[in-house]
Each structure stands twice: as C-alpha cells, then as structure tokens.
Protein backbone atom coordinates (compact mmCIF):
# COMPACT_ATOMS: atom_id res chain seq x y z
CA MET A 1 -98.94 24.01 -0.50
CA SER A 2 -99.80 20.68 -2.07
CA ALA A 3 -98.48 21.85 -5.45
CA VAL A 4 -95.16 22.83 -3.90
CA LEU A 5 -94.84 19.43 -2.22
CA GLU A 6 -95.66 17.61 -5.45
CA GLU A 7 -93.10 19.66 -7.33
CA LEU A 8 -90.41 18.92 -4.76
CA LEU A 9 -91.22 15.20 -4.82
CA SER A 10 -91.05 15.12 -8.61
CA LYS A 11 -87.69 16.92 -8.55
CA ARG A 12 -86.38 14.41 -6.00
CA LYS A 13 -87.53 11.52 -8.19
CA ALA A 14 -85.89 13.05 -11.27
CA LEU A 15 -82.63 13.57 -9.37
CA ALA A 16 -82.72 9.97 -8.13
CA VAL A 17 -83.08 8.77 -11.73
CA GLU A 18 -80.23 11.04 -12.79
CA LEU A 19 -78.07 9.77 -9.93
CA GLY A 20 -78.71 6.18 -11.02
CA ALA A 21 -77.68 7.06 -14.56
CA LEU A 22 -74.50 8.71 -13.28
CA ASP A 23 -73.67 5.64 -11.18
CA ALA A 24 -74.15 3.43 -14.22
CA GLY A 25 -71.90 5.70 -16.29
CA ILE A 26 -69.19 5.74 -13.63
CA SER A 27 -69.38 1.98 -13.33
CA ALA A 28 -69.07 1.53 -17.10
CA TYR A 29 -66.12 3.92 -17.22
CA ARG A 30 -64.36 2.07 -14.40
CA ARG A 31 -64.89 -1.26 -16.16
CA ALA A 32 -63.37 0.23 -19.31
CA LEU A 33 -60.33 1.48 -17.39
CA ASN A 34 -59.75 -1.47 -15.06
CA GLY A 35 -61.30 -4.31 -16.97
CA ALA A 36 -63.66 -5.02 -14.06
CA ALA A 37 -65.89 -2.97 -11.81
CA PRO A 38 -64.58 -2.53 -8.26
CA GLN A 39 -66.57 -4.04 -5.42
CA THR A 40 -68.02 -0.87 -3.92
CA LYS A 41 -71.32 -0.14 -2.26
CA PRO A 42 -73.79 1.72 -4.51
CA ALA A 43 -74.64 5.29 -3.56
CA ALA A 44 -77.47 5.68 -1.07
CA THR A 45 -80.79 6.31 -2.73
CA VAL A 46 -83.16 9.00 -1.61
CA SER A 47 -86.13 6.90 -0.63
CA GLY A 48 -87.04 8.41 2.71
CA THR A 49 -86.05 5.34 4.69
CA ARG A 50 -83.32 5.23 7.29
CA PRO A 51 -80.33 2.94 7.10
CA THR A 52 -80.30 -0.19 9.23
CA MET A 53 -79.12 0.44 12.77
CA SER A 54 -76.50 -1.85 14.28
CA LEU A 55 -77.24 -3.97 17.33
CA ALA A 56 -74.77 -1.96 19.41
CA ALA A 57 -76.46 1.32 18.45
CA ARG A 58 -79.90 -0.08 19.28
CA LYS A 59 -78.67 -1.31 22.65
CA LYS A 60 -77.10 2.08 23.41
CA LEU A 61 -80.35 3.87 22.57
CA SER A 62 -82.32 1.38 24.64
CA LEU A 63 -80.12 1.97 27.67
CA LEU A 64 -80.42 5.73 27.26
CA ALA A 65 -84.21 5.51 27.05
CA LYS A 66 -84.35 3.29 30.14
CA ALA A 67 -82.19 5.78 32.04
CA ARG A 68 -84.49 8.66 31.01
CA TRP A 69 -87.58 6.78 32.17
CA ALA A 70 -85.92 5.80 35.44
CA LYS A 71 -85.01 9.44 36.08
CA LYS A 72 -88.57 10.54 35.28
CA ARG A 73 -90.08 7.89 37.59
CA LYS A 74 -87.66 8.91 40.36
CA GLU A 75 -88.66 12.59 39.99
CA GLU A 76 -92.37 11.70 40.01
CA ALA A 77 -91.91 9.61 43.16
CA LYS A 78 -90.46 12.64 44.97
CA LYS A 79 -93.58 14.73 44.29
C-alpha cells in the first residue's frame, strides 16, 4: 500500500510542476498578445492545504457548532 501512495504522490507532484509550466506558458502567450499580463489570480496549487476561510464563514460555523452543543446539552439534561 505504501508503494501505491508514493506513486500517487509522485504523480501529483509531477502534475503540479506541469500545471506551473502551463500557467507560465499561458502567461507568456497573453503578454505576447496583449503587451502585458492581465491581473489574474494564479491557479490553485495542489498542496493539501485548504483555502483561507472568511470571517463570516468562521462565525457561521461557530454559531452552528454552538447550537449543536446546546442541543446536545439540552438532550442530556432531560435524561
């Protein structure tokens, strides 16, 4: 199983390198066509990390978690 995991990780790394090369090529082509590269966000890399969560999303998740715990405490108090 370890060999399969290592193979998959190496493929992911190779694809990430290829994606970077494609982004560079696209950027160069756009500069050649427009004279300047457009101000766009680079493609997301496959690094295993999650994108940054907004404050509103964190607050929403916090409120949902608090509601779940309150419901659980209420159910336990009934027993």
